[in-house]
């Protein structure tokens, strides 16, 4: 069973690399992955950032399994020309505020 630890995270990180996404948080209580700018997640159209949070007895691996399952649908171009995240300054502001 010890071999299973980390496999889901490894699969999730491979999908992050495949889609050019960005891991925003990765701890025992929450995993958040942001789609590349100009794209949203196909599993949940119009969603630019997927979050998987700990619930009851979930493990870190459970969070990554949930994340990988949703990322596996891929990304699609954001078609909303008024989307502040993709076409406005908000995406840039968000990135800057995270480094402050």
PDB file of N, CA and C in Angstrom:
ATOM      1  N   UNK A   1       0.818  -1.195   0.000  1.00  0.00           N
ATOM      2  CA  UNK A   1       0.000   0.000   0.000  1.00  0.00           C
ATOM      3  C   UNK A   1       0.864   1.262   0.000  1.00  0.00           C
ATOM      4  N   UNK A   2       2.055   1.196   0.555  1.00  0.00           N
ATOM      5  CA  UNK A   2       2.919   2.371   0.602  1.00  0.00           C
ATOM      6  C   UNK A   2       3.285   2.846  -0.802  1.00  0.00           C
ATOM      7  N   UNK A   3       3.331   1.919  -1.775  1.00  0.00           N
ATOM      8  CA  UNK A   3       3.664   2.301  -3.136  1.00  0.00           C
ATOM      9  C   UNK A   3       2.615   3.222  -3.742  1.00  0.00           C
ATOM     10  N   UNK A   4       1.359   3.087  -3.309  1.00  0.00           N
ATOM     11  CA  UNK A   4       0.270   3.904  -3.843  1.00  0.00           C
ATOM     12  C   UNK A   4       0.411   5.379  -3.455  1.00  0.00           C
ATOM     13  N   UNK A   5       1.045   5.636  -2.310  1.00  0.00           N
ATOM     14  CA  UNK A   5       1.194   7.015  -1.857  1.00  0.00           C
ATOM     15  C   UNK A   5       1.989   7.797  -2.895  1.00  0.00           C
ATOM     16  N   UNK A   6       1.437   8.882  -3.335  1.00  0.00           N
ATOM     17  CA  UNK A   6       2.116   9.736  -4.279  1.00  0.00           C
ATOM     18  C   UNK A   6       1.751   9.487  -5.736  1.00  0.00           C
ATOM     19  N   UNK A   7       1.164   8.346  -6.059  1.00  0.00           N
ATOM     20  CA  UNK A   7       0.823   8.048  -7.448  1.00  0.00           C
ATOM     21  C   UNK A   7      -0.209   9.012  -8.009  1.00  0.00           C
ATOM     22  N   UNK A   8      -1.238   9.324  -7.236  1.00  0.00           N
ATOM     23  CA  UNK A   8      -2.278  10.242  -7.704  1.00  0.00           C
ATOM     24  C   UNK A   8      -1.711  11.642  -7.895  1.00  0.00           C
ATOM     25  N   UNK A   9      -0.868  12.053  -6.970  1.00  0.00           N
ATOM     26  CA  UNK A   9      -0.234  13.370  -7.085  1.00  0.00           C
ATOM     27  C   UNK A   9       0.650  13.411  -8.325  1.00  0.00           C
ATOM     28  N   UNK A  10       1.394  12.335  -8.552  1.00  0.00           N
ATOM     29  CA  UNK A  10       2.261  12.257  -9.715  1.00  0.00           C
ATOM     30  C   UNK A  10       1.445  12.347 -11.011  1.00  0.00           C
ATOM     31  N   UNK A  11       0.316  11.647 -11.065  1.00  0.00           N
ATOM     32  CA  UNK A  11      -0.557  11.713 -12.241  1.00  0.00           C
ATOM     33  C   UNK A  11      -1.096  13.130 -12.415  1.00  0.00           C
ATOM     34  N   UNK A  12      -1.502  13.744 -11.313  1.00  0.00           N
ATOM     35  CA  UNK A  12      -2.020  15.108 -11.372  1.00  0.00           C
ATOM     36  C   UNK A  12      -0.978  16.100 -11.866  1.00  0.00           C
ATOM     37  N   UNK A  13       0.236  15.968 -11.361  1.00  0.00           N
ATOM     38  CA  UNK A  13       1.302  16.882 -11.781  1.00  0.00           C
ATOM     39  C   UNK A  13       1.669  16.677 -13.251  1.00  0.00           C
ATOM     40  N   UNK A  14       1.531  15.443 -13.738  1.00  0.00           N
ATOM     41  CA  UNK A  14       1.772  15.185 -15.160  1.00  0.00           C
ATOM     42  C   UNK A  14       0.727  15.923 -16.003  1.00  0.00           C
ATOM     43  N   UNK A  15      -0.528  15.955 -15.537  1.00  0.00           N
ATOM     44  CA  UNK A  15      -1.575  16.689 -16.258  1.00  0.00           C
ATOM     45  C   UNK A  15      -1.347  18.198 -16.178  1.00  0.00           C
ATOM     46  N   UNK A  16      -0.870  18.669 -15.033  1.00  0.00           N
ATOM     47  CA  UNK A  16      -0.537  20.088 -14.898  1.00  0.00           C
ATOM     48  C   UNK A  16       0.486  20.466 -15.961  1.00  0.00           C
ATOM     49  N   UNK A  17       1.521  19.648 -16.116  1.00  0.00           N
ATOM     50  CA  UNK A  17       2.558  19.916 -17.113  1.00  0.00           C
ATOM     51  C   UNK A  17       1.992  19.808 -18.530  1.00  0.00           C
ATOM     52  N   UNK A  18       1.177  18.798 -18.773  1.00  0.00           N
ATOM     53  CA  UNK A  18       0.616  18.579 -20.104  1.00  0.00           C
ATOM     54  C   UNK A  18      -0.182  19.781 -20.593  1.00  0.00           C
ATOM     55  N   UNK A  19      -0.969  20.385 -19.696  1.00  0.00           N
ATOM     56  CA  UNK A  19      -1.841  21.492 -20.082  1.00  0.00           C
ATOM     57  C   UNK A  19      -1.225  22.863 -19.834  1.00  0.00           C
ATOM     58  N   UNK A  20      -0.036  22.921 -19.285  1.00  0.00           N
ATOM     59  CA  UNK A  20       0.595  24.214 -19.008  1.00  0.00           C
ATOM     60  C   UNK A  20      -0.098  24.943 -17.875  1.00  0.00           C
ATOM     61  N   UNK A  21      -0.692  24.184 -16.964  1.00  0.00           N
ATOM     62  CA  UNK A  21      -1.415  24.760 -15.830  1.00  0.00           C
ATOM     63  C   UNK A  21      -0.429  25.145 -14.722  1.00  0.00           C
ATOM     64  N   UNK A  22      -0.960  25.685 -13.649  1.00  0.00           N
ATOM     65  CA  UNK A  22      -0.130  26.156 -12.537  1.00  0.00           C
ATOM     66  C   UNK A  22      -0.735  25.690 -11.223  1.00  0.00           C
ATOM     67  N   UNK A  23       0.084  25.060 -10.376  1.00  0.00           N
ATOM     68  CA  UNK A  23      -0.373  24.657  -9.036  1.00  0.00           C
ATOM     69  C   UNK A  23      -0.318  25.884  -8.146  1.00  0.00           C
ATOM     70  N   UNK A  24      -1.476  26.257  -7.612  1.00  0.00           N
ATOM     71  CA  UNK A  24      -1.571  27.422  -6.732  1.00  0.00           C
ATOM     72  C   UNK A  24      -1.362  27.008  -5.283  1.00  0.00           C
ATOM     73  N   UNK A  25      -1.984  25.888  -4.894  1.00  0.00           N
ATOM     74  CA  UNK A  25      -1.781  25.370  -3.538  1.00  0.00           C
ATOM     75  C   UNK A  25      -1.739  23.850  -3.596  1.00  0.00           C
ATOM     76  N   UNK A  26      -0.932  23.280  -2.727  1.00  0.00           N
ATOM     77  CA  UNK A  26      -0.772  21.833  -2.656  1.00  0.00           C
ATOM     78  C   UNK A  26      -0.377  21.486  -1.225  1.00  0.00           C
ATOM     79  N   UNK A  27      -1.376  21.371  -0.378  1.00  0.00           N
ATOM     80  CA  UNK A  27      -1.098  20.968   0.992  1.00  0.00           C
ATOM     81  C   UNK A  27      -2.110  19.910   1.416  1.00  0.00           C
ATOM     82  N   UNK A  28      -2.037  19.490   2.643  1.00  0.00           N
ATOM     83  CA  UNK A  28      -2.879  18.384   3.100  1.00  0.00           C
ATOM     84  C   UNK A  28      -4.367  18.721   3.150  1.00  0.00           C
ATOM     85  N   UNK A  29      -4.712  19.993   3.123  1.00  0.00           N
ATOM     86  CA  UNK A  29      -6.127  20.360   3.216  1.00  0.00           C
ATOM     87  C   UNK A  29      -6.722  20.845   1.891  1.00  0.00           C
ATOM     88  N   UNK A  30      -5.872  21.199   0.917  1.00  0.00           N
ATOM     89  CA  UNK A  30      -6.403  21.752  -0.330  1.00  0.00           C
ATOM     90  C   UNK A  30      -5.387  21.649  -1.461  1.00  0.00           C
ATOM     91  N   UNK A  31      -5.924  21.366  -2.653  1.00  0.00           N
ATOM     92  CA  UNK A  31      -5.130  21.412  -3.878  1.00  0.00           C
ATOM     93  C   UNK A  31      -5.868  22.335  -4.840  1.00  0.00           C
ATOM     94  N   UNK A  32      -5.154  23.288  -5.402  1.00  0.00           N
ATOM     95  CA  UNK A  32      -5.749  24.201  -6.376  1.00  0.00           C
ATOM     96  C   UNK A  32      -4.849  24.282  -7.596  1.00  0.00           C
ATOM     97  N   UNK A  33      -5.461  24.145  -8.779  1.00  0.00           N
ATOM     98  CA  UNK A  33      -4.723  24.203 -10.037  1.00  0.00           C
ATOM     99  C   UNK A  33      -5.426  25.187 -10.966  1.00  0.00           C
ATOM    100  N   UNK A  34      -4.650  26.107 -11.502  1.00  0.00           N
ATOM    101  CA  UNK A  34      -5.164  27.158 -12.374  1.00  0.00           C
ATOM    102  C   UNK A  34      -4.866  26.810 -13.831  1.00  0.00           C
ATOM    103  N   UNK A  35      -5.882  26.934 -14.677  1.00  0.00           N
ATOM    104  CA  UNK A  35      -5.702  26.708 -16.119  1.00  0.00           C
ATOM    105  C   UNK A  35      -4.799  27.812 -16.674  1.00  0.00           C
ATOM    106  N   UNK A  36      -4.158  27.560 -17.809  1.00  0.00           N
ATOM    107  CA  UNK A  36      -3.352  28.616 -18.418  1.00  0.00           C
ATOM    108  C   UNK A  36      -4.227  29.822 -18.770  1.00  0.00           C
ATOM    109  N   UNK A  37      -3.658  30.985 -18.737  1.00  0.00           N
ATOM    110  CA  UNK A  37      -4.399  32.202 -19.061  1.00  0.00           C
ATOM    111  C   UNK A  37      -4.982  32.095 -20.472  1.00  0.00           C
ATOM    112  N   UNK A  38      -6.251  32.435 -20.593  1.00  0.00           N
ATOM    113  CA  UNK A  38      -6.939  32.336 -21.873  1.00  0.00           C
ATOM    114  C   UNK A  38      -7.701  31.033 -22.042  1.00  0.00           C
ATOM    115  N   UNK A  39      -7.600  30.149 -21.039  1.00  0.00           N
ATOM    116  CA  UNK A  39      -8.269  28.855 -21.093  1.00  0.00           C
ATOM    117  C   UNK A  39      -9.059  28.611 -19.814  1.00  0.00           C
ATOM    118  N   UNK A  40     -10.018  27.691 -19.904  1.00  0.00           N
ATOM    119  CA  UNK A  40     -10.740  27.230 -18.723  1.00  0.00           C
ATOM    120  C   UNK A  40     -10.767  25.705 -18.773  1.00  0.00           C
ATOM    121  N   UNK A  41     -11.161  25.092 -17.689  1.00  0.00           N
ATOM    122  CA  UNK A  41     -11.187  23.631 -17.603  1.00  0.00           C
ATOM    123  C   UNK A  41     -12.423  23.090 -18.305  1.00  0.00           C
ATOM    124  N   UNK A  42     -12.240  22.097 -19.165  1.00  0.00           N
ATOM    125  CA  UNK A  42     -13.354  21.510 -19.924  1.00  0.00           C
ATOM    126  C   UNK A  42     -14.366  20.816 -19.030  1.00  0.00           C
ATOM    127  N   UNK A  43     -13.932  20.272 -17.921  1.00  0.00           N
ATOM    128  CA  UNK A  43     -14.845  19.579 -17.004  1.00  0.00           C
ATOM    129  C   UNK A  43     -15.856  20.545 -16.392  1.00  0.00           C
ATOM    130  N   UNK A  44     -15.453  21.786 -16.243  1.00  0.00           N
ATOM    131  CA  UNK A  44     -16.311  22.807 -15.646  1.00  0.00           C
ATOM    132  C   UNK A  44     -16.120  24.100 -16.430  1.00  0.00           C
ATOM    133  N   UNK A  45     -16.718  24.183 -17.626  1.00  0.00           N
ATOM    134  CA  UNK A  45     -16.515  25.368 -18.460  1.00  0.00           C
ATOM    135  C   UNK A  45     -16.771  26.670 -17.702  1.00  0.00           C
ATOM    136  N   UNK A  46     -16.018  27.637 -17.999  1.00  0.00           N
ATOM    137  CA  UNK A  46     -15.965  28.967 -17.387  1.00  0.00           C
ATOM    138  C   UNK A  46     -15.205  28.952 -16.067  1.00  0.00           C
ATOM    139  N   UNK A  47     -14.727  27.798 -15.622  1.00  0.00           N
ATOM    140  CA  UNK A  47     -13.942  27.730 -14.391  1.00  0.00           C
ATOM    141  C   UNK A  47     -12.462  27.750 -14.767  1.00  0.00           C
ATOM    142  N   UNK A  48     -11.757  28.719 -14.235  1.00  0.00           N
ATOM    143  CA  UNK A  48     -10.346  28.875 -14.555  1.00  0.00           C
ATOM    144  C   UNK A  48      -9.437  28.240 -13.515  1.00  0.00           C
ATOM    145  N   UNK A  49      -9.972  27.973 -12.331  1.00  0.00           N
ATOM    146  CA  UNK A  49      -9.174  27.405 -11.254  1.00  0.00           C
ATOM    147  C   UNK A  49      -9.962  26.281 -10.588  1.00  0.00           C
ATOM    148  N   UNK A  50      -9.391  25.087 -10.567  1.00  0.00           N
ATOM    149  CA  UNK A  50     -10.032  23.953  -9.902  1.00  0.00           C
ATOM    150  C   UNK A  50      -9.503  23.841  -8.485  1.00  0.00           C
ATOM    151  N   UNK A  51     -10.400  23.555  -7.546  1.00  0.00           N
ATOM    152  CA  UNK A  51     -10.013  23.396  -6.151  1.00  0.00           C
ATOM    153  C   UNK A  51     -10.586  22.078  -5.633  1.00  0.00           C
ATOM    154  N   UNK A  52      -9.759  21.338  -4.932  1.00  0.00           N
ATOM    155  CA  UNK A  52     -10.204  20.133  -4.250  1.00  0.00           C
ATOM    156  C   UNK A  52      -9.815  20.297  -2.786  1.00  0.00           C
ATOM    157  N   UNK A  53     -10.815  20.338  -1.911  1.00  0.00           N
ATOM    158  CA  UNK A  53     -10.569  20.570  -0.486  1.00  0.00           C
ATOM    159  C   UNK A  53     -10.882  19.317   0.324  1.00  0.00           C
ATOM    160  N   UNK A  54     -10.159  19.162   1.399  1.00  0.00           N
ATOM    161  CA  UNK A  54     -10.317  17.998   2.271  1.00  0.00           C
ATOM    162  C   UNK A  54     -11.721  17.950   2.842  1.00  0.00           C
ATOM    163  N   UNK A  55     -12.292  16.763   2.817  1.00  0.00           N
ATOM    164  CA  UNK A  55     -13.629  16.525   3.349  1.00  0.00           C
ATOM    165  C   UNK A  55     -13.592  15.254   4.165  1.00  0.00           C
ATOM    166  N   UNK A  56     -14.028  15.290   5.394  1.00  0.00           N
ATOM    167  CA  UNK A  56     -14.044  14.131   6.296  1.00  0.00           C
ATOM    168  C   UNK A  56     -12.677  13.443   6.334  1.00  0.00           C
ATOM    169  N   UNK A  57     -12.604  12.221   5.847  1.00  0.00           N
ATOM    170  CA  UNK A  57     -11.372  11.430   5.955  1.00  0.00           C
ATOM    171  C   UNK A  57     -10.536  11.424   4.682  1.00  0.00           C
ATOM    172  N   UNK A  58     -10.732  12.394   3.802  1.00  0.00           N
ATOM    173  CA  UNK A  58      -9.942  12.466   2.582  1.00  0.00           C
ATOM    174  C   UNK A  58      -8.452  12.584   2.904  1.00  0.00           C
ATOM    175  N   UNK A  59      -7.662  11.939   2.079  1.00  0.00           N
ATOM    176  CA  UNK A  59      -6.213  12.068   2.194  1.00  0.00           C
ATOM    177  C   UNK A  59      -5.727  13.033   1.104  1.00  0.00           C
ATOM    178  N   UNK A  60      -4.469  13.386   1.179  1.00  0.00           N
ATOM    179  CA  UNK A  60      -3.867  14.240   0.153  1.00  0.00           C
ATOM    180  C   UNK A  60      -3.972  13.556  -1.207  1.00  0.00           C
ATOM    181  N   UNK A  61      -3.816  12.252  -1.236  1.00  0.00           N
ATOM    182  CA  UNK A  61      -3.944  11.489  -2.479  1.00  0.00           C
ATOM    183  C   UNK A  61      -5.372  11.568  -3.030  1.00  0.00           C
ATOM    184  N   UNK A  62      -6.366  11.544  -2.135  1.00  0.00           N
ATOM    185  CA  UNK A  62      -7.760  11.675  -2.576  1.00  0.00           C
ATOM    186  C   UNK A  62      -7.988  13.017  -3.257  1.00  0.00           C
ATOM    187  N   UNK A  63      -7.375  14.060  -2.718  1.00  0.00           N
ATOM    188  CA  UNK A  63      -7.513  15.388  -3.306  1.00  0.00           C
ATOM    189  C   UNK A  63      -6.919  15.396  -4.712  1.00  0.00           C
ATOM    190  N   UNK A  64      -5.743  14.784  -4.860  1.00  0.00           N
ATOM    191  CA  UNK A  64      -5.111  14.739  -6.176  1.00  0.00           C
ATOM    192  C   UNK A  64      -5.874  13.854  -7.150  1.00  0.00           C
ATOM    193  N   UNK A  65      -6.496  12.778  -6.666  1.00  0.00           N
ATOM    194  CA  UNK A  65      -7.304  11.922  -7.546  1.00  0.00           C
ATOM    195  C   UNK A  65      -8.479  12.718  -8.091  1.00  0.00           C
ATOM    196  N   UNK A  66      -9.160  13.449  -7.214  1.00  0.00           N
ATOM    197  CA  UNK A  66     -10.283  14.293  -7.633  1.00  0.00           C
ATOM    198  C   UNK A  66      -9.804  15.319  -8.663  1.00  0.00           C
ATOM    199  N   UNK A  67      -8.673  15.941  -8.385  1.00  0.00           N
ATOM    200  CA  UNK A  67      -8.141  16.963  -9.278  1.00  0.00           C
ATOM    201  C   UNK A  67      -7.777  16.354 -10.631  1.00  0.00           C
ATOM    202  N   UNK A  68      -7.090  15.214 -10.620  1.00  0.00           N
ATOM    203  CA  UNK A  68      -6.677  14.560 -11.868  1.00  0.00           C
ATOM    204  C   UNK A  68      -7.894  14.133 -12.684  1.00  0.00           C
ATOM    205  N   UNK A  69      -8.919  13.627 -12.017  1.00  0.00           N
ATOM    206  CA  UNK A  69     -10.139  13.221 -12.722  1.00  0.00           C
ATOM    207  C   UNK A  69     -10.744  14.397 -13.479  1.00  0.00           C
ATOM    208  N   UNK A  70     -10.758  15.573 -12.863  1.00  0.00           N
ATOM    209  CA  UNK A  70     -11.350  16.746 -13.512  1.00  0.00           C
ATOM    210  C   UNK A  70     -10.418  17.368 -14.551  1.00  0.00           C
ATOM    211  N   UNK A  71      -9.108  17.365 -14.285  1.00  0.00           N
ATOM    212  CA  UNK A  71      -8.163  17.910 -15.252  1.00  0.00           C
ATOM    213  C   UNK A  71      -8.075  17.046 -16.500  1.00  0.00           C
ATOM    214  N   UNK A  72      -8.355  15.765 -16.356  1.00  0.00           N
ATOM    215  CA  UNK A  72      -8.235  14.819 -17.465  1.00  0.00           C
ATOM    216  C   UNK A  72      -9.147  15.169 -18.642  1.00  0.00           C
ATOM    217  N   UNK A  73     -10.197  15.951 -18.405  1.00  0.00           N
ATOM    218  CA  UNK A  73     -11.077  16.393 -19.490  1.00  0.00           C
ATOM    219  C   UNK A  73     -10.397  17.439 -20.374  1.00  0.00           C
ATOM    220  N   UNK A  74      -9.330  18.029 -19.884  1.00  0.00           N
ATOM    221  CA  UNK A  74      -8.568  18.992 -20.668  1.00  0.00           C
ATOM    222  C   UNK A  74      -8.968  20.433 -20.419  1.00  0.00           C
ATOM    223  N   UNK A  75      -8.450  21.292 -21.279  1.00  0.00           N
ATOM    224  CA  UNK A  75      -8.750  22.718 -21.210  1.00  0.00           C
ATOM    225  C   UNK A  75      -9.350  23.142 -22.540  1.00  0.00           C
ATOM    226  N   UNK A  76     -10.082  24.231 -22.507  1.00  0.00           N
ATOM    227  CA  UNK A  76     -10.634  24.793 -23.744  1.00  0.00           C
ATOM    228  C   UNK A  76     -10.457  26.298 -23.702  1.00  0.00           C
ATOM    229  N   UNK A  77     -10.370  26.873 -24.871  1.00  0.00           N
ATOM    230  CA  UNK A  77     -10.186  28.316 -24.974  1.00  0.00           C
ATOM    231  C   UNK A  77     -11.386  29.024 -24.361  1.00  0.00           C
ATOM    232  N   UNK A  78     -11.119  30.052 -23.574  1.00  0.00           N
ATOM    233  CA  UNK A  78     -12.183  30.854 -22.981  1.00  0.00           C
ATOM    234  C   UNK A  78     -12.779  31.719 -24.088  1.00  0.00           C
ATOM    235  N   UNK A  79     -14.044  31.521 -24.344  1.00  0.00           N
ATOM    236  CA  UNK A  79     -14.727  32.227 -25.429  1.00  0.00           C
ATOM    237  C   UNK A  79     -15.390  33.525 -24.969  1.00  0.00           C
ATOM    238  N   UNK A  80     -15.368  33.786 -23.674  1.00  0.00           N
ATOM    239  CA  UNK A  80     -15.997  34.978 -23.127  1.00  0.00           C
ATOM    240  C   UNK A  80     -15.069  36.177 -23.328  1.00  0.00           C
ATOM    241  N   UNK A  81     -15.380  37.007 -24.297  1.00  0.00           N
ATOM    242  CA  UNK A  81     -14.523  38.152 -24.607  1.00  0.00           C
ATOM    243  C   UNK A  81     -14.526  39.211 -23.500  1.00  0.00           C
ATOM    244  N   UNK A  82     -15.457  39.092 -22.559  1.00  0.00           N
ATOM    245  CA  UNK A  82     -15.517  40.035 -21.443  1.00  0.00           C
ATOM    246  C   UNK A  82     -14.948  39.435 -20.158  1.00  0.00           C
ATOM    247  N   UNK A  83     -14.351  38.265 -20.266  1.00  0.00           N
ATOM    248  CA  UNK A  83     -13.797  37.582 -19.099  1.00  0.00           C
ATOM    249  C   UNK A  83     -12.625  38.393 -18.533  1.00  0.00           C
ATOM    250  N   UNK A  84     -12.770  38.864 -17.331  1.00  0.00           N
ATOM    251  CA  UNK A  84     -11.717  39.653 -16.694  1.00  0.00           C
ATOM    252  C   UNK A  84     -10.476  38.805 -16.434  1.00  0.00           C
ATOM    253  N   UNK A  85     -10.675  37.517 -16.210  1.00  0.00           N
ATOM    254  CA  UNK A  85      -9.553  36.639 -15.902  1.00  0.00           C
ATOM    255  C   UNK A  85      -8.620  36.505 -17.107  1.00  0.00           C
ATOM    256  N   UNK A  86      -9.210  36.318 -18.281  1.00  0.00           N
ATOM    257  CA  UNK A  86      -8.421  36.054 -19.487  1.00  0.00           C
ATOM    258  C   UNK A  86      -8.078  37.299 -20.278  1.00  0.00           C
ATOM    259  N   UNK A  87      -9.022  38.209 -20.365  1.00  0.00           N
ATOM    260  CA  UNK A  87      -8.874  39.333 -21.286  1.00  0.00           C
ATOM    261  C   UNK A  87      -8.741  40.674 -20.580  1.00  0.00           C
ATOM    262  N   UNK A  88      -8.812  40.638 -19.273  1.00  0.00           N
ATOM    263  CA  UNK A  88      -8.680  41.882 -18.516  1.00  0.00           C
ATOM    264  C   UNK A  88      -7.382  41.894 -17.745  1.00  0.00           C
ATOM    265  N   UNK A  89      -7.314  42.763 -16.794  1.00  0.00           N
ATOM    266  CA  UNK A  89      -6.100  42.887 -15.990  1.00  0.00           C
ATOM    267  C   UNK A  89      -6.151  42.037 -14.739  1.00  0.00           C
ATOM    268  N   UNK A  90      -7.288  41.422 -14.419  1.00  0.00           N
ATOM    269  CA  UNK A  90      -7.424  40.691 -13.173  1.00  0.00           C
ATOM    270  C   UNK A  90      -6.429  39.547 -13.067  1.00  0.00           C
ATOM    271  N   UNK A  91      -6.234  38.788 -14.130  1.00  0.00           N
ATOM    272  CA  UNK A  91      -5.283  37.684 -14.090  1.00  0.00           C
ATOM    273  C   UNK A  91      -3.899  38.153 -13.689  1.00  0.00           C
ATOM    274  N   UNK A  92      -3.473  39.274 -14.248  1.00  0.00           N
ATOM    275  CA  UNK A  92      -2.165  39.822 -13.910  1.00  0.00           C
ATOM    276  C   UNK A  92      -2.137  40.288 -12.463  1.00  0.00           C
ATOM    277  N   UNK A  93      -3.201  40.957 -12.017  1.00  0.00           N
ATOM    278  CA  UNK A  93      -3.262  41.436 -10.640  1.00  0.00           C
ATOM    279  C   UNK A  93      -3.238  40.276  -9.671  1.00  0.00           C
ATOM    280  N   UNK A  94      -3.960  39.200 -10.003  1.00  0.00           N
ATOM    281  CA  UNK A  94      -4.000  38.032  -9.123  1.00  0.00           C
ATOM    282  C   UNK A  94      -2.614  37.440  -8.979  1.00  0.00           C
ATOM    283  N   UNK A  95      -1.900  37.295 -10.089  1.00  0.00           N
ATOM    284  CA  UNK A  95      -0.552  36.727 -10.030  1.00  0.00           C
ATOM    285  C   UNK A  95       0.367  37.599  -9.198  1.00  0.00           C
ATOM    286  N   UNK A  96       0.274  38.914  -9.350  1.00  0.00           N
ATOM    287  CA  UNK A  96       1.129  39.809  -8.590  1.00  0.00           C
ATOM    288  C   UNK A  96       0.805  39.762  -7.115  1.00  0.00           C
ATOM    289  N   UNK A  97      -0.483  39.703  -6.756  1.00  0.00           N
ATOM    290  CA  UNK A  97      -0.857  39.721  -5.356  1.00  0.00           C
ATOM    291  C   UNK A  97      -0.417  38.447  -4.645  1.00  0.00           C
ATOM    292  N   UNK A  98      -0.290  37.332  -5.378  1.00  0.00           N
ATOM    293  CA  UNK A  98       0.130  36.095  -4.756  1.00  0.00           C
ATOM    294  C   UNK A  98       1.600  36.125  -4.375  1.00  0.00           C
ATOM    295  N   UNK A  99       2.388  36.935  -5.039  1.00  0.00           N
ATOM    296  CA  UNK A  99       3.812  36.975  -4.745  1.00  0.00           C
ATOM    297  C   UNK A  99       4.148  38.019  -3.687  1.00  0.00           C
ATOM    298  N   UNK A 100       3.195  38.874  -3.337  1.00  0.00           N
ATOM    299  CA  UNK A 100       3.447  39.906  -2.322  1.00  0.00           C
ATOM    300  C   UNK A 100       3.536  39.318  -0.939  1.00  0.00           C
TER     301      UNK A 100
END
